[in-house]
Amino acid sequence: MVKGIIGLSRMCGRGVGMDFIALLGLGFRMVSGILSGIHAHRVLAETKRQTDAIIRLKESIYYAEHAEVVRDMARRKQQVVTDAGHACGLLEPVQASLGDTVLSSAIIQSPGKMIAAMKTDPWRVLDEVRPLGELESHRNPNMVPILFRDGTQVLVGWQMRGMLEQLFDCEYVSNESLWLPVTLANGGTQTGRAAIAVPTETAIVQITRDSTHGFSGWRLRVFINGSEVGMIGNGETQAYEVPPGSIRLRLARGPVKSPEVPLSLAGGETMRLACSIVDGILFKRIEVRNSGDLTNPVRHSSSGDTIPNS
């Protein structure tokens, strides 16, 4: 039997920003728009001084009850989950599977047409349905990801934004702007709403690890701005979405670490780096360099970040 979404994954590793429609609970009964990773962190940072309309349900779970991102077009008044405990219970499985911060818009009762279509056959109404672990960014920017569960498997399918109303009686207001009431300095609330922009143009850090016989069993942990975002094996290439601006990158395997490498990226830029584990005469060390440049590393590991060879 097909049930609602129980969890999420990452397109390029933990910490990547992702916006989507999530079907929550059993039987697709509830639905919301969710920001995750970088997008959630950026919105929370931007709204911190402007509004108290986002509440923290528990660690890494935030709820914007008044932000209508998904709407049932067949209802004049949306059936919104207002109980914090109920909302937290619906979002906990999402956050646990994602392993990152989630920010949910108003959780509403799913449109009847959406429930019926998904219960009948999600594969008839969604394109390119595949396991969430195989998720990649869609080549068509007008496609919207919809996440759900089939038995124990978490899946994602895509549908054109313009088809959501026809197929599901559903309107999806792009998460590029999250509309929230603004709290004024005197404690009052401004009439109308203020749009909090979510950055849609991020940057990409792509890391390729040299394929070598030595240390082929070592998997390097990847840290960006102090947070672990993934691991990279021998000969692998991994990509991580980051906010534009300055970031700090470090690779590590146990006590063997590179120093933090400072990087600066513009929106839409892809920075390609290469890394390797070097077995020196006295020490092992991890090097990070510009991709294709074997002689000019971006940053070498220092003596304090190495361990003696055994």
C-alpha atoms as a PDB file:
ATOM      1  CA  MET A   1       0.000   0.000   0.000  1.00  0.00           C
ATOM      2  CA  VAL A   2       1.298   3.452  -0.856  1.00  0.00           C
ATOM      3  CA  LYS A   3       1.683   5.746   2.145  1.00  0.00           C
ATOM      4  CA  GLY A   4       2.868   9.282   2.806  1.00  0.00           C
ATOM      5  CA  ILE A   5       6.424  10.513   2.941  1.00  0.00           C
ATOM      6  CA  ILE A   6       8.556   9.334   5.862  1.00  0.00           C
ATOM      7  CA  GLY A   7      11.930  10.763   4.957  1.00  0.00           C
ATOM      8  CA  LEU A   8      14.229  12.614   2.634  1.00  0.00           C
ATOM      9  CA  SER A   9      17.768  12.455   1.308  1.00  0.00           C
ATOM     10  CA  ARG A  10      20.200  14.771  -0.460  1.00  0.00           C
ATOM     11  CA  MET A  11      20.849  15.442  -4.097  1.00  0.00           C
ATOM     12  CA  CYS A  12      24.565  16.086  -3.623  1.00  0.00           C
ATOM     13  CA  GLY A  13      25.225  15.305   0.017  1.00  0.00           C
ATOM     14  CA  ARG A  14      24.152  16.624   3.371  1.00  0.00           C
ATOM     15  CA  GLY A  15      23.748  20.386   3.551  1.00  0.00           C
ATOM     16  CA  VAL A  16      22.499  20.910   0.027  1.00  0.00           C
ATOM     17  CA  GLY A  17      19.527  23.259  -0.321  1.00  0.00           C
ATOM     18  CA  MET A  18      16.358  21.633  -1.622  1.00  0.00           C
ATOM     19  CA  ASP A  19      12.767  22.865  -2.022  1.00  0.00           C
ATOM     20  CA  PHE A  20       9.919  20.416  -2.573  1.00  0.00           C
ATOM     21  CA  ILE A  21       6.351  19.387  -1.940  1.00  0.00           C
ATOM     22  CA  ALA A  22       6.184  16.715   0.769  1.00  0.00           C
ATOM     23  CA  LEU A  23       3.247  14.422   1.427  1.00  0.00           C
ATOM     24  CA  LEU A  24       3.182  13.821   5.181  1.00  0.00           C
ATOM     25  CA  GLY A  25       1.637  11.142   7.356  1.00  0.00           C
ATOM     26  CA  LEU A  26      -0.304   8.083   6.254  1.00  0.00           C
ATOM     27  CA  GLY A  27      -2.411   8.016   3.130  1.00  0.00           C
ATOM     28  CA  PHE A  28      -1.134  11.351   1.781  1.00  0.00           C
ATOM     29  CA  ARG A  29      -3.515  13.147   4.144  1.00  0.00           C
ATOM     30  CA  MET A  30      -1.279  16.167   4.785  1.00  0.00           C
ATOM     31  CA  VAL A  31       0.997  18.208   2.540  1.00  0.00           C
ATOM     32  CA  SER A  32       3.393  21.119   2.874  1.00  0.00           C
ATOM     33  CA  GLY A  33       6.198  22.961   1.127  1.00  0.00           C
ATOM     34  CA  ILE A  34       9.574  22.378   2.723  1.00  0.00           C
ATOM     35  CA  LEU A  35      12.893  24.170   2.576  1.00  0.00           C
ATOM     36  CA  SER A  36      15.933  22.197   3.654  1.00  0.00           C
ATOM     37  CA  GLY A  37      19.661  22.566   4.054  1.00  0.00           C
ATOM     38  CA  ILE A  38      21.185  25.821   2.865  1.00  0.00           C
ATOM     39  CA  HIS A  39      17.839  27.331   1.837  1.00  0.00           C
ATOM     40  CA  ALA A  40      16.335  26.742   5.286  1.00  0.00           C
ATOM     41  CA  HIS A  41      19.386  28.183   7.051  1.00  0.00           C
ATOM     42  CA  ARG A  42      19.379  31.290   4.862  1.00  0.00           C
ATOM     43  CA  VAL A  43      15.683  31.995   5.439  1.00  0.00           C
ATOM     44  CA  LEU A  44      16.049  31.482   9.190  1.00  0.00           C
ATOM     45  CA  ALA A  45      19.013  33.865   9.273  1.00  0.00           C
ATOM     46  CA  GLU A  46      17.217  36.528   7.219  1.00  0.00           C
ATOM     47  CA  THR A  47      13.976  36.369   9.207  1.00  0.00           C
ATOM     48  CA  LYS A  48      15.525  36.255  12.669  1.00  0.00           C
ATOM     49  CA  ARG A  49      15.258  40.021  13.184  1.00  0.00           C
ATOM     50  CA  GLN A  50      12.112  40.579  11.137  1.00  0.00           C
ATOM     51  CA  THR A  51       9.460  38.161  12.287  1.00  0.00           C
ATOM     52  CA  ASP A  52       8.444  35.767  15.014  1.00  0.00           C
ATOM     53  CA  ALA A  53       6.159  33.888  12.615  1.00  0.00           C
ATOM     54  CA  ILE A  54       8.598  30.952  12.403  1.00  0.00           C
ATOM     55  CA  ILE A  55       8.586  28.741  15.475  1.00  0.00           C
ATOM     56  CA  ARG A  56      11.182  26.196  16.506  1.00  0.00           C
ATOM     57  CA  LEU A  57       9.399  22.917  17.202  1.00  0.00           C
ATOM     58  CA  LYS A  58      12.588  21.134  18.245  1.00  0.00           C
ATOM     59  CA  GLU A  59      16.212  21.038  17.203  1.00  0.00           C
ATOM     60  CA  SER A  60      16.490  21.416  13.413  1.00  0.00           C
ATOM     61  CA  ILE A  61      12.706  21.535  12.864  1.00  0.00           C
ATOM     62  CA  TYR A  62      11.026  24.889  12.174  1.00  0.00           C
ATOM     63  CA  TYR A  63       7.441  25.649  11.266  1.00  0.00           C
ATOM     64  CA  ALA A  64       5.972  28.692   9.504  1.00  0.00           C
ATOM     65  CA  GLU A  65       2.260  28.145  10.154  1.00  0.00           C
ATOM     66  CA  HIS A  66       1.229  31.334   8.351  1.00  0.00           C
ATOM     67  CA  ALA A  67       3.345  30.800   5.228  1.00  0.00           C
ATOM     68  CA  GLU A  68       1.095  29.372   2.510  1.00  0.00           C
ATOM     69  CA  VAL A  69       3.356  27.683  -0.020  1.00  0.00           C
ATOM     70  CA  VAL A  70       1.002  24.809  -0.922  1.00  0.00           C
ATOM     71  CA  ARG A  71      -2.734  25.495  -1.274  1.00  0.00           C
ATOM     72  CA  ASP A  72      -5.843  23.385  -1.919  1.00  0.00           C
ATOM     73  CA  MET A  73      -7.537  25.213  -4.782  1.00  0.00           C
ATOM     74  CA  ALA A  74     -10.872  23.539  -4.011  1.00  0.00           C
ATOM     75  CA  ARG A  75     -11.033  25.179  -0.565  1.00  0.00           C
ATOM     76  CA  ARG A  76     -11.500  28.849   0.191  1.00  0.00           C
ATOM     77  CA  LYS A  77     -10.091  28.313   3.699  1.00  0.00           C
ATOM     78  CA  GLN A  78      -7.131  25.989   4.139  1.00  0.00           C
ATOM     79  CA  GLN A  79      -7.245  23.326   6.841  1.00  0.00           C
ATOM     80  CA  VAL A  80      -3.951  24.205   8.555  1.00  0.00           C
ATOM     81  CA  VAL A  81      -2.235  22.227  11.303  1.00  0.00           C
ATOM     82  CA  THR A  82      -1.993  24.697  14.190  1.00  0.00           C
ATOM     83  CA  ASP A  83      -1.009  22.322  16.987  1.00  0.00           C
ATOM     84  CA  ALA A  84       2.760  22.408  17.436  1.00  0.00           C
ATOM     85  CA  GLY A  85       2.906  18.830  18.704  1.00  0.00           C
ATOM     86  CA  HIS A  86       0.984  17.532  15.686  1.00  0.00           C
ATOM     87  CA  ALA A  87       3.180  19.497  13.275  1.00  0.00           C
ATOM     88  CA  CYS A  88       6.329  18.270  14.966  1.00  0.00           C
ATOM     89  CA  GLY A  89       5.144  14.654  14.747  1.00  0.00           C
ATOM     90  CA  LEU A  90       4.570  15.004  11.004  1.00  0.00           C
ATOM     91  CA  LEU A  91       7.940  16.655  10.374  1.00  0.00           C
ATOM     92  CA  GLU A  92      10.150  14.534  12.647  1.00  0.00           C
ATOM     93  CA  PRO A  93      10.475  11.617  10.184  1.00  0.00           C
ATOM     94  CA  VAL A  94      11.384  14.068   7.425  1.00  0.00           C
ATOM     95  CA  GLN A  95      14.117  15.723   9.455  1.00  0.00           C
ATOM     96  CA  ALA A  96      15.458  12.424  10.801  1.00  0.00           C
ATOM     97  CA  SER A  97      15.908  10.993   7.321  1.00  0.00           C
ATOM     98  CA  LEU A  98      17.278  14.232   5.919  1.00  0.00           C
ATOM     99  CA  GLY A  99      19.749  14.743   8.746  1.00  0.00           C
ATOM    100  CA  ASP A 100      19.594  18.496   8.320  1.00  0.00           C
ATOM    101  CA  THR A 101      17.490  21.520   9.214  1.00  0.00           C
ATOM    102  CA  VAL A 102      13.990  21.649   7.751  1.00  0.00           C
ATOM    103  CA  LEU A 103      11.634  24.602   7.543  1.00  0.00           C
ATOM    104  CA  SER A 104       8.038  23.760   6.687  1.00  0.00           C
ATOM    105  CA  SER A 105       5.375  26.083   5.388  1.00  0.00           C
ATOM    106  CA  ALA A 106       1.810  25.670   6.640  1.00  0.00           C
ATOM    107  CA  ILE A 107       0.931  21.970   6.765  1.00  0.00           C
ATOM    108  CA  ILE A 108      -2.519  21.642   5.238  1.00  0.00           C
ATOM    109  CA  GLN A 109      -5.003  18.896   4.583  1.00  0.00           C
ATOM    110  CA  SER A 110      -4.131  17.514   1.155  1.00  0.00           C
ATOM    111  CA  PRO A 111      -6.554  18.280  -1.687  1.00  0.00           C
ATOM    112  CA  GLY A 112      -8.974  15.411  -2.223  1.00  0.00           C
ATOM    113  CA  LYS A 113      -7.944  15.192  -5.875  1.00  0.00           C
ATOM    114  CA  MET A 114      -4.296  14.807  -4.892  1.00  0.00           C
ATOM    115  CA  ILE A 115      -5.059  12.064  -2.377  1.00  0.00           C
ATOM    116  CA  ALA A 116      -7.169  10.140  -4.922  1.00  0.00           C
ATOM    117  CA  ALA A 117      -4.561  10.431  -7.693  1.00  0.00           C
ATOM    118  CA  MET A 118      -1.669   9.356  -5.501  1.00  0.00           C
ATOM    119  CA  LYS A 119      -3.551   6.456  -3.944  1.00  0.00           C
ATOM    120  CA  THR A 120      -4.581   5.188  -7.388  1.00  0.00           C
ATOM    121  CA  ASP A 121      -1.154   5.227  -9.024  1.00  0.00           C
ATOM    122  CA  PRO A 122       1.586   7.821  -8.412  1.00  0.00           C
ATOM    123  CA  TRP A 123       3.403   6.620 -11.541  1.00  0.00           C
ATOM    124  CA  ARG A 124       0.507   7.805 -13.708  1.00  0.00           C
ATOM    125  CA  VAL A 125       0.609  11.374 -12.422  1.00  0.00           C
ATOM    126  CA  LEU A 126       4.332  11.848 -11.759  1.00  0.00           C
ATOM    127  CA  ASP A 127       7.254  11.689 -14.161  1.00  0.00           C
ATOM    128  CA  GLU A 128      10.643  10.060 -13.632  1.00  0.00           C
ATOM    129  CA  VAL A 129       9.742   8.446 -10.306  1.00  0.00           C
ATOM    130  CA  ARG A 130      12.839   7.005  -8.701  1.00  0.00           C
ATOM    131  CA  PRO A 131      14.295   6.261  -5.251  1.00  0.00           C
ATOM    132  CA  LEU A 132      15.288   9.370  -3.407  1.00  0.00           C
ATOM    133  CA  GLY A 133      18.893   8.243  -3.216  1.00  0.00           C
ATOM    134  CA  GLU A 134      19.087   8.555  -7.009  1.00  0.00           C
ATOM    135  CA  LEU A 135      17.641  12.067  -7.061  1.00  0.00           C
ATOM    136  CA  GLU A 136      19.314  14.631  -9.284  1.00  0.00           C
ATOM    137  CA  SER A 137      18.345  18.164 -10.212  1.00  0.00           C
ATOM    138  CA  HIS A 138      15.822  18.172 -13.041  1.00  0.00           C
ATOM    139  CA  ARG A 139      16.927  19.590 -16.384  1.00  0.00           C
ATOM    140  CA  ASN A 140      13.608  21.480 -16.653  1.00  0.00           C
ATOM    141  CA  PRO A 141      13.352  24.307 -14.075  1.00  0.00           C
ATOM    142  CA  ASN A 142       9.539  24.245 -14.324  1.00  0.00           C
ATOM    143  CA  MET A 143       9.360  20.744 -12.850  1.00  0.00           C
ATOM    144  CA  VAL A 144       8.493  20.462  -9.153  1.00  0.00           C
ATOM    145  CA  PRO A 145       9.736  17.547  -7.004  1.00  0.00           C
ATOM    146  CA  ILE A 146       7.065  15.678  -5.014  1.00  0.00           C
ATOM    147  CA  LEU A 147       8.193  13.260  -2.335  1.00  0.00           C
ATOM    148  CA  PHE A 148       6.211  10.289  -1.036  1.00  0.00           C
ATOM    149  CA  ARG A 149       6.612   6.766   0.305  1.00  0.00           C
ATOM    150  CA  ASP A 150       5.653   3.487  -1.287  1.00  0.00           C
ATOM    151  CA  GLY A 151       5.821   0.879   1.470  1.00  0.00           C
ATOM    152  CA  THR A 152       9.250   1.334   3.020  1.00  0.00           C
ATOM    153  CA  GLN A 153      10.767   3.065   0.002  1.00  0.00           C
ATOM    154  CA  VAL A 154      11.079   6.833  -0.205  1.00  0.00           C
ATOM    155  CA  LEU A 155      10.504   8.052  -3.741  1.00  0.00           C
ATOM    156  CA  VAL A 156      10.454  11.322  -5.635  1.00  0.00           C
ATOM    157  CA  GLY A 157       8.600  12.156  -8.806  1.00  0.00           C
ATOM    158  CA  TRP A 158       8.287  15.318 -10.848  1.00  0.00           C
ATOM    159  CA  GLN A 159       5.383  17.257 -12.287  1.00  0.00           C
ATOM    160  CA  MET A 160       5.130  20.496 -14.237  1.00  0.00           C
ATOM    161  CA  ARG A 161       4.225  23.430 -12.029  1.00  0.00           C
ATOM    162  CA  GLY A 162       1.454  24.412 -14.457  1.00  0.00           C
ATOM    163  CA  MET A 163      -0.134  20.950 -14.209  1.00  0.00           C
ATOM    164  CA  LEU A 164      -0.456  20.834 -10.424  1.00  0.00           C
ATOM    165  CA  GLU A 165      -3.879  22.493 -10.330  1.00  0.00           C
ATOM    166  CA  GLN A 166      -5.291  20.354 -13.136  1.00  0.00           C
ATOM    167  CA  LEU A 167      -4.035  17.068 -11.700  1.00  0.00           C
ATOM    168  CA  PHE A 168      -4.213  17.716  -7.963  1.00  0.00           C
ATOM    169  CA  ASP A 169      -6.248  20.894  -7.279  1.00  0.00           C
ATOM    170  CA  CYS A 170      -2.933  22.076  -5.849  1.00  0.00           C
ATOM    171  CA  GLU A 171      -1.204  25.438  -6.095  1.00  0.00           C
ATOM    172  CA  TYR A 172       2.489  25.592  -5.304  1.00  0.00           C
ATOM    173  CA  VAL A 173       3.822  29.067  -4.583  1.00  0.00           C
ATOM    174  CA  SER A 174       7.533  28.940  -5.288  1.00  0.00           C
ATOM    175  CA  ASN A 175       9.694  28.763  -2.193  1.00  0.00           C
ATOM    176  CA  GLU A 176      11.799  31.477  -3.790  1.00  0.00           C
ATOM    177  CA  SER A 177       9.711  33.820  -1.634  1.00  0.00           C
ATOM    178  CA  LEU A 178       8.370  32.791   1.741  1.00  0.00           C
ATOM    179  CA  TRP A 179       5.654  35.247   2.753  1.00  0.00           C
ATOM    180  CA  LEU A 180       5.461  35.921   6.482  1.00  0.00           C
ATOM    181  CA  PRO A 181       3.887  38.502   8.815  1.00  0.00           C
ATOM    182  CA  VAL A 182       6.473  41.028  10.031  1.00  0.00           C
ATOM    183  CA  THR A 183       6.704  41.948  13.713  1.00  0.00           C
ATOM    184  CA  LEU A 184       7.259  45.671  14.197  1.00  0.00           C
ATOM    185  CA  ALA A 185       9.575  47.206  16.779  1.00  0.00           C
ATOM    186  CA  ASN A 186       6.590  48.257  18.928  1.00  0.00           C
ATOM    187  CA  GLY A 187       5.367  44.669  19.104  1.00  0.00           C
ATOM    188  CA  GLY A 188       2.625  45.107  16.537  1.00  0.00           C
ATOM    189  CA  THR A 189       2.293  43.294  13.225  1.00  0.00           C
ATOM    190  CA  GLN A 190       2.593  45.090   9.934  1.00  0.00           C
ATOM    191  CA  THR A 191      -0.453  44.961   7.695  1.00  0.00           C
ATOM    192  CA  GLY A 192       0.220  42.721   4.740  1.00  0.00           C
ATOM    193  CA  ARG A 193       3.190  40.446   4.379  1.00  0.00           C
ATOM    194  CA  ALA A 194       6.895  40.701   3.677  1.00  0.00           C
ATOM    195  CA  ALA A 195       8.654  38.424   1.232  1.00  0.00           C
ATOM    196  CA  ILE A 196      11.794  36.698   2.423  1.00  0.00           C
ATOM    197  CA  ALA A 197      13.831  35.793  -0.638  1.00  0.00           C
ATOM    198  CA  VAL A 198      15.438  32.375  -0.806  1.00  0.00           C
ATOM    199  CA  PRO A 199      18.592  32.348  -2.907  1.00  0.00           C
ATOM    200  CA  THR A 200      18.014  30.272  -6.011  1.00  0.00           C
ATOM    201  CA  GLU A 201      21.500  30.716  -7.476  1.00  0.00           C
ATOM    202  CA  THR A 202      23.964  28.870  -5.307  1.00  0.00           C
ATOM    203  CA  ALA A 203      27.502  27.721  -6.017  1.00  0.00           C
ATOM    204  CA  ILE A 204      28.971  24.251  -6.410  1.00  0.00           C
ATOM    205  CA  VAL A 205      32.181  22.815  -4.977  1.00  0.00           C
ATOM    206  CA  GLN A 206      33.184  19.717  -6.940  1.00  0.00           C
ATOM    207  CA  ILE A 207      35.952  17.534  -5.505  1.00  0.00           C
ATOM    208  CA  THR A 208      37.684  14.710  -7.362  1.00  0.00           C
ATOM    209  CA  ARG A 209      39.896  12.362  -5.390  1.00  0.00           C
ATOM    210  CA  ASP A 210      42.864  10.847  -7.179  1.00  0.00           C
ATOM    211  CA  SER A 211      42.618   7.110  -7.805  1.00  0.00           C
ATOM    212  CA  THR A 212      45.619   5.426  -6.189  1.00  0.00           C
ATOM    213  CA  HIS A 213      46.582   1.981  -4.925  1.00  0.00           C
ATOM    214  CA  GLY A 214      47.772   3.303  -1.605  1.00  0.00           C
ATOM    215  CA  PHE A 215      45.021   4.276   0.862  1.00  0.00           C
ATOM    216  CA  SER A 216      42.317   3.077  -1.549  1.00  0.00           C
ATOM    217  CA  GLY A 217      40.273   1.884   1.422  1.00  0.00           C
ATOM    218  CA  TRP A 218      40.307   5.284   3.099  1.00  0.00           C
ATOM    219  CA  ARG A 219      37.170   7.409   2.763  1.00  0.00           C
ATOM    220  CA  LEU A 220      37.795  11.084   3.374  1.00  0.00           C
ATOM    221  CA  ARG A 221      35.258  13.103   5.358  1.00  0.00           C
ATOM    222  CA  VAL A 222      34.330  16.440   3.758  1.00  0.00           C
ATOM    223  CA  PHE A 223      33.719  19.455   5.996  1.00  0.00           C
ATOM    224  CA  ILE A 224      32.351  22.789   4.794  1.00  0.00           C
ATOM    225  CA  ASN A 225      32.247  25.658   7.301  1.00  0.00           C
ATOM    226  CA  GLY A 226      32.898  23.167  10.077  1.00  0.00           C
ATOM    227  CA  SER A 227      29.973  20.858   9.259  1.00  0.00           C
ATOM    228  CA  GLU A 228      30.410  17.411   7.741  1.00  0.00           C
ATOM    229  CA  VAL A 229      28.630  17.265   4.369  1.00  0.00           C
ATOM    230  CA  GLY A 230      29.726  13.914   2.982  1.00  0.00           C
ATOM    231  CA  MET A 231      32.521  11.469   2.255  1.00  0.00           C
ATOM    232  CA  ILE A 232      34.649  10.804  -0.810  1.00  0.00           C
ATOM    233  CA  GLY A 233      36.213   7.474  -1.742  1.00  0.00           C
ATOM    234  CA  ASN A 234      39.176   6.556  -3.884  1.00  0.00           C
ATOM    235  CA  GLY A 235      38.681   7.823  -7.445  1.00  0.00           C
ATOM    236  CA  GLU A 236      35.285   9.356  -6.687  1.00  0.00           C
ATOM    237  CA  THR A 237      33.927  12.794  -7.584  1.00  0.00           C
ATOM    238  CA  GLN A 238      31.445  14.483  -5.260  1.00  0.00           C
ATOM    239  CA  ALA A 239      29.657  17.832  -5.629  1.00  0.00           C
ATOM    240  CA  TYR A 240      28.264  20.016  -2.858  1.00  0.00           C
ATOM    241  CA  GLU A 241      25.950  23.003  -3.172  1.00  0.00           C
ATOM    242  CA  VAL A 242      27.062  26.005  -1.086  1.00  0.00           C
ATOM    243  CA  PRO A 243      25.879  29.581  -0.625  1.00  0.00           C
ATOM    244  CA  PRO A 244      27.761  32.223  -2.620  1.00  0.00           C
ATOM    245  CA  GLY A 245      30.540  33.969  -0.780  1.00  0.00           C
ATOM    246  CA  SER A 246      33.367  32.767   1.434  1.00  0.00           C
ATOM    247  CA  ILE A 247      33.473  29.195   2.724  1.00  0.00           C
ATOM    248  CA  ARG A 248      36.009  26.996   4.507  1.00  0.00           C
ATOM    249  CA  LEU A 249      36.775  23.467   3.250  1.00  0.00           C
ATOM    250  CA  ARG A 250      38.566  20.681   5.116  1.00  0.00           C
ATOM    251  CA  LEU A 251      39.132  17.000   4.330  1.00  0.00           C
ATOM    252  CA  ALA A 252      39.938  14.489   7.038  1.00  0.00           C
ATOM    253  CA  ARG A 253      40.417  10.842   7.800  1.00  0.00           C
ATOM    254  CA  GLY A 254      40.889  10.211  11.513  1.00  0.00           C
ATOM    255  CA  PRO A 255      43.855  12.276  12.724  1.00  0.00           C
ATOM    256  CA  VAL A 256      45.006  13.004   9.172  1.00  0.00           C
ATOM    257  CA  LYS A 257      43.537  16.355   8.153  1.00  0.00           C
ATOM    258  CA  SER A 258      44.048  19.112   5.668  1.00  0.00           C
ATOM    259  CA  PRO A 259      43.932  22.625   7.113  1.00  0.00           C
ATOM    260  CA  GLU A 260      40.797  24.605   6.390  1.00  0.00           C
ATOM    261  CA  VAL A 261      41.045  25.862   2.812  1.00  0.00           C
ATOM    262  CA  PRO A 262      39.436  29.306   2.299  1.00  0.00           C
ATOM    263  CA  LEU A 263      37.408  29.558  -0.900  1.00  0.00           C
ATOM    264  CA  SER A 264      35.332  32.339  -2.432  1.00  0.00           C
ATOM    265  CA  LEU A 265      32.569  31.506  -4.911  1.00  0.00           C
ATOM    266  CA  ALA A 266      30.111  33.596  -6.889  1.00  0.00           C
ATOM    267  CA  GLY A 267      26.501  32.579  -7.426  1.00  0.00           C
ATOM    268  CA  GLY A 268      26.266  30.011 -10.199  1.00  0.00           C
ATOM    269  CA  GLU A 269      30.007  29.259 -10.084  1.00  0.00           C
ATOM    270  CA  THR A 270      31.349  25.702 -10.012  1.00  0.00           C
ATOM    271  CA  MET A 271      34.768  25.345  -8.395  1.00  0.00           C
ATOM    272  CA  ARG A 272      36.546  22.112  -9.306  1.00  0.00           C
ATOM    273  CA  LEU A 273      39.136  20.819  -6.883  1.00  0.00           C
ATOM    274  CA  ALA A 274      41.221  17.668  -6.630  1.00  0.00           C
ATOM    275  CA  CYS A 275      42.577  15.948  -3.547  1.00  0.00           C
ATOM    276  CA  SER A 276      44.994  13.193  -2.697  1.00  0.00           C
ATOM    277  CA  ILE A 277      46.565  11.409   0.246  1.00  0.00           C
ATOM    278  CA  VAL A 278      50.337  11.761   0.115  1.00  0.00           C
ATOM    279  CA  ASP A 279      52.623   9.231   1.809  1.00  0.00           C
ATOM    280  CA  GLY A 280      55.686  11.262   2.645  1.00  0.00           C
ATOM    281  CA  ILE A 281      58.963  10.092   4.150  1.00  0.00           C
ATOM    282  CA  LEU A 282      57.854  10.911   7.680  1.00  0.00           C
ATOM    283  CA  PHE A 283      54.193  11.855   7.479  1.00  0.00           C
ATOM    284  CA  LYS A 284      50.965  11.140   5.672  1.00  0.00           C
ATOM    285  CA  ARG A 285      49.104  14.242   4.602  1.00  0.00           C
ATOM    286  CA  ILE A 286      46.023  15.284   2.617  1.00  0.00           C
ATOM    287  CA  GLU A 287      46.457  17.786  -0.205  1.00  0.00           C
ATOM    288  CA  VAL A 288      43.776  19.892  -1.871  1.00  0.00           C
ATOM    289  CA  ARG A 289      44.539  21.612  -5.182  1.00  0.00           C
ATOM    290  CA  ASN A 290      42.894  23.180  -8.191  1.00  0.00           C
ATOM    291  CA  SER A 291      41.578  20.428 -10.430  1.00  0.00           C
ATOM    292  CA  GLY A 292      44.123  19.436 -13.064  1.00  0.00           C
ATOM    293  CA  ASP A 293      46.956  21.335 -11.375  1.00  0.00           C
ATOM    294  CA  LEU A 294      49.442  18.879  -9.902  1.00  0.00           C
ATOM    295  CA  THR A 295      52.037  21.483  -8.936  1.00  0.00           C
ATOM    296  CA  ASN A 296      50.102  24.324  -7.327  1.00  0.00           C
ATOM    297  CA  PRO A 297      47.965  23.116  -4.399  1.00  0.00           C
ATOM    298  CA  VAL A 298      45.296  25.436  -3.043  1.00  0.00           C
ATOM    299  CA  ARG A 299      46.506  24.506   0.433  1.00  0.00           C
ATOM    300  CA  HIS A 300      48.797  21.781   1.824  1.00  0.00           C
ATOM    301  CA  SER A 301      48.351  20.062   5.154  1.00  0.00           C
ATOM    302  CA  SER A 302      50.608  21.411   7.857  1.00  0.00           C
ATOM    303  CA  SER A 303      52.793  19.523  10.307  1.00  0.00           C
ATOM    304  CA  GLY A 304      50.117  19.815  12.945  1.00  0.00           C
ATOM    305  CA  ASP A 305      47.633  18.025  10.710  1.00  0.00           C
ATOM    306  CA  THR A 306      49.758  14.985   9.871  1.00  0.00           C
ATOM    307  CA  ILE A 307      50.668  11.716  11.550  1.00  0.00           C
ATOM    308  CA  PRO A 308      53.908   9.756  11.317  1.00  0.00           C
ATOM    309  CA  ASN A 309      54.117   6.845   8.901  1.00  0.00           C
ATOM    310  CA  SER A 310      54.091   3.535  10.652  1.00  0.00           C
END
